[in-house]
Protein backbone atom coordinates (compact mmCIF):
# COMPACT_ATOMS: atom_id res chain seq x y z
CA UNK A 1 -10.35 -5.22 27.59
CA UNK A 2 -7.49 -2.75 27.62
CA UNK A 3 -4.59 -2.71 25.21
CA UNK A 4 -1.17 -1.28 26.05
CA UNK A 5 0.81 0.93 23.66
CA UNK A 6 3.87 3.11 24.19
CA UNK A 7 3.21 6.78 24.83
CA UNK A 8 5.28 9.79 25.79
CA UNK A 9 8.65 8.90 27.32
CA UNK A 10 7.91 5.25 26.54
CA UNK A 11 5.20 5.18 29.22
CA UNK A 12 2.50 2.63 28.50
CA UNK A 13 -0.86 3.90 27.36
CA UNK A 14 -3.81 1.71 28.26
CA UNK A 15 -6.85 1.74 26.01
CA UNK A 16 -10.42 0.77 26.83
CA UNK A 17 -12.48 0.37 23.70
CA UNK A 18 -16.26 0.66 23.27
CA UNK A 19 -18.85 1.36 20.61
CA UNK A 20 -20.86 4.55 20.92
CA UNK A 21 -24.54 5.11 20.22
CA UNK A 22 -23.55 6.48 16.80
CA UNK A 23 -22.05 3.12 15.86
CA UNK A 24 -18.46 4.39 15.93
CA UNK A 25 -15.64 2.83 17.92
CA UNK A 26 -13.96 4.85 20.66
CA UNK A 27 -11.18 4.38 23.18
CA UNK A 28 -10.00 6.01 26.36
CA UNK A 29 -6.31 6.14 27.02
CA UNK A 30 -4.38 6.79 30.19
CA UNK A 31 -0.63 7.08 30.58
CA UNK A 32 1.03 4.51 32.78
CA UNK A 33 3.28 5.02 35.78
CA UNK A 34 2.30 5.19 39.45
CA UNK A 35 -0.91 7.04 38.68
CA UNK A 36 -1.60 5.37 35.37
CA UNK A 37 -2.62 1.80 36.11
CA UNK A 38 -6.34 2.51 36.11
CA UNK A 39 -7.14 0.14 33.26
CA UNK A 40 -4.74 -2.60 34.31
CA UNK A 41 -6.40 -4.53 37.10
CA UNK A 42 -8.23 -1.62 38.71
CA UNK A 43 -11.77 -1.90 39.97
CA UNK A 44 -14.60 -0.37 37.89
CA UNK A 45 -15.07 2.36 40.50
CA UNK A 46 -11.46 3.48 40.28
CA UNK A 47 -11.75 3.62 36.49
CA UNK A 48 -14.82 5.87 36.73
CA UNK A 49 -13.20 8.12 39.32
CA UNK A 50 -10.13 8.66 37.14
CA UNK A 51 -11.93 9.29 33.87
CA UNK A 52 -11.20 13.01 34.05
CA UNK A 53 -7.58 12.16 33.28
CA UNK A 54 -8.45 10.20 30.14
CA UNK A 55 -8.53 11.46 26.59
CA UNK A 56 -11.19 10.11 24.24
CA UNK A 57 -10.09 9.01 20.79
CA UNK A 58 -12.30 8.06 17.88
CA UNK A 59 -10.94 4.83 16.43
CA UNK A 60 -12.57 5.13 13.03
CA UNK A 61 -12.33 7.76 10.30
CA UNK A 62 -14.33 7.48 7.09
CA UNK A 63 -15.06 3.88 8.01
CA UNK A 64 -11.36 2.99 8.40
CA UNK A 65 -10.18 1.49 11.69
CA UNK A 66 -7.32 3.64 12.99
CA UNK A 67 -5.92 0.85 15.17
CA UNK A 68 -5.98 -1.96 12.62
CA UNK A 69 -3.39 -4.73 12.45
CA UNK A 70 -2.77 -6.03 8.94
CA UNK A 71 -0.49 -8.79 7.66
CA UNK A 72 1.26 -8.93 4.30
CA UNK A 73 3.17 -11.87 2.88
CA UNK A 74 4.93 -13.08 -0.22
CA UNK A 75 3.48 -15.90 -2.33
CA UNK A 76 5.23 -18.70 -0.42
CA UNK A 77 4.82 -17.11 3.02
CA UNK A 78 8.53 -16.97 3.88
CA UNK A 79 8.60 -13.15 4.01
CA UNK A 80 5.87 -11.62 6.19
CA UNK A 81 5.06 -8.17 7.54
CA UNK A 82 2.80 -7.21 10.44
CA UNK A 83 1.63 -3.61 10.10
CA UNK A 84 0.03 -1.60 12.93
CA UNK A 85 -2.18 1.39 12.12
CA UNK A 86 -3.19 3.11 8.93
CA UNK A 87 -1.03 4.16 5.97
CA UNK A 88 -0.15 7.81 5.42
CA UNK A 89 -0.64 7.45 1.68
CA UNK A 90 -2.13 4.89 -0.71
CA UNK A 91 -1.25 5.34 -4.35
CA UNK A 92 -0.86 3.67 -7.70
CA UNK A 93 1.97 4.07 -10.16
CA UNK A 94 1.94 3.58 -13.94
CA UNK A 95 5.67 4.09 -14.57
CA UNK A 96 7.36 1.56 -16.81
CA UNK A 97 9.75 0.48 -14.06
CA UNK A 98 6.88 -0.40 -11.73
CA UNK A 99 5.25 -2.28 -14.60
CA UNK A 100 8.43 -4.33 -15.01
CA UNK A 101 8.82 -4.74 -11.24
CA UNK A 102 5.32 -6.12 -10.71
CA UNK A 103 4.66 -7.75 -14.07
CA UNK A 104 1.37 -5.84 -14.13
CA UNK A 105 0.36 -2.66 -15.92
CA UNK A 106 -0.07 -0.82 -12.65
CA UNK A 107 1.44 -1.00 -9.14
CA UNK A 108 -0.47 -0.26 -5.95
CA UNK A 109 1.22 0.45 -2.63
CA UNK A 110 0.63 1.91 0.81
CA UNK A 111 3.11 4.03 2.73
CA UNK A 112 3.82 3.35 6.43
CA UNK A 113 6.37 4.56 8.97
CA UNK A 114 9.09 1.99 9.57
CA UNK A 115 8.18 1.68 13.25
CA UNK A 116 4.67 0.51 12.26
CA UNK A 117 6.11 -2.63 10.65
CA UNK A 118 7.42 -5.88 12.11
CA UNK A 119 9.35 -8.06 9.64
CA UNK A 120 9.52 -11.85 9.73
CA UNK A 121 11.59 -13.87 7.30
CA UNK A 122 14.42 -12.93 5.00
CA UNK A 123 14.27 -10.27 2.29
CA UNK A 124 16.66 -9.90 -0.61
CA UNK A 125 17.27 -6.29 -1.70
CA UNK A 126 17.64 -4.95 -5.22
CA UNK A 127 18.39 -1.29 -5.82
CA UNK A 128 17.74 0.94 -8.80
CA UNK A 129 18.00 4.64 -9.48
CA UNK A 130 14.82 6.42 -10.50
CA UNK A 131 14.46 9.26 -12.99
CA UNK A 132 14.57 11.63 -10.01
CA UNK A 133 18.06 10.40 -9.14
CA UNK A 134 16.88 8.81 -5.89
CA UNK A 135 17.69 5.19 -5.04
CA UNK A 136 14.79 2.81 -4.66
CA UNK A 137 15.43 -0.39 -2.67
CA UNK A 138 13.03 -3.22 -3.52
CA UNK A 139 12.81 -6.06 -1.00
CA UNK A 140 11.63 -9.41 -2.25
CA UNK A 141 11.47 -13.04 -1.20
CA UNK A 142 14.42 -14.96 -2.64
CA UNK A 143 12.31 -18.14 -2.72
CA UNK A 144 9.22 -17.06 -4.67
CA UNK A 145 10.35 -13.66 -5.96
CA UNK A 146 7.44 -11.60 -4.63
CA UNK A 147 8.37 -7.95 -4.02
CA UNK A 148 6.69 -7.22 -0.70
CA UNK A 149 7.99 -3.75 0.18
CA UNK A 150 10.35 -1.04 -0.96
CA UNK A 151 12.04 2.09 0.37
CA UNK A 152 12.90 5.34 -1.39
CA UNK A 153 15.85 7.35 -0.09
CA UNK A 154 13.81 10.52 -0.72
CA UNK A 155 11.51 9.45 2.14
CA UNK A 156 13.71 8.26 5.03
CA UNK A 157 11.94 6.18 7.64
CA UNK A 158 9.10 5.34 5.26
CA UNK A 159 8.29 1.87 3.88
CA UNK A 160 5.95 1.25 0.95
CA UNK A 161 4.14 -2.11 1.07
CA UNK A 162 2.56 -3.63 -2.03
CA UNK A 163 -1.21 -3.70 -1.43
CA UNK A 164 -1.64 -7.05 -3.15
CA UNK A 165 0.54 -8.74 -0.55
CA UNK A 166 -2.12 -8.01 2.09
CA UNK A 167 -4.50 -10.26 0.11
CA UNK A 168 -7.38 -8.13 1.46
CA UNK A 169 -10.15 -7.07 -0.95
CA UNK A 170 -11.33 -4.56 1.68
CA UNK A 171 -8.03 -2.66 1.78
CA UNK A 172 -8.75 1.07 1.16
CA UNK A 173 -8.47 2.18 -2.45
CA UNK A 174 -5.62 4.35 -3.70
CA UNK A 175 -6.36 8.08 -3.81
CA UNK A 176 -3.35 9.18 -5.88
CA UNK A 177 -2.23 8.10 -9.35
CA UNK A 178 1.28 8.96 -10.56
CA UNK A 179 3.10 8.61 -13.88
CA UNK A 180 -0.18 9.00 -15.73
CA UNK A 181 1.75 9.70 -18.92
CA UNK A 182 2.51 5.97 -19.22
CA UNK A 183 -0.84 4.69 -17.97
CA UNK A 184 -2.45 2.07 -20.21
CA UNK A 185 -5.51 3.82 -21.65
CA UNK A 186 -7.88 0.98 -20.77
CA UNK A 187 -7.08 1.28 -17.02
CA UNK A 188 -9.93 3.21 -15.38
CA UNK A 189 -9.60 5.02 -12.04
CA UNK A 190 -12.02 6.15 -9.30
CA UNK A 191 -13.43 9.59 -10.19
CA UNK A 192 -11.93 11.37 -7.15
CA UNK A 193 -8.36 10.14 -7.73
CA UNK A 194 -5.66 12.82 -7.70
CA UNK A 195 -3.80 12.33 -10.98
CA UNK A 196 -0.22 13.37 -11.80
CA UNK A 197 1.56 13.16 -15.14
CA UNK A 198 4.78 11.99 -13.49
CA UNK A 199 5.83 11.30 -9.94
CA UNK A 200 4.01 12.85 -7.00
């Protein structure tokens, strides 16, 4: 099966996926247009003949699927996100504001580009100013109160999604820990975590 995604100049890119002898997933992509419909209704022979124009992409890195679709939701399900692809950063924060925001002693979130996310439902926004002077906009469900995602004006075009809202025990672990100076001493971290006294 081929999957279509937008490529350069909004041309469709068609993917053919397969699993290699090494157990890893791969895909071939081909830009659309008059010469680019090879994977969309073409015969097997025409696909083989045009393979020189394809680029091969490995779809996994360190066991993580690079073309994953994940779904996050609030407690009642009114506010939902569909997220395409992998996060650029996964981190945890021990600052006192995040502790108040989540009601837990630690917050965990993953950073995505805004264009990776499709929003369904209605979010209510609450803004606060951090110690850095930047404005943080928290978006939560007005029905159940779950904070599903937030945006920091210091990182335009970036959305941070609370990992817990994915309800996925297999979600990759955070690799960065910030505001360590207010971390509860009984909270243990993976040994290879990058740790910062304040924000990172």
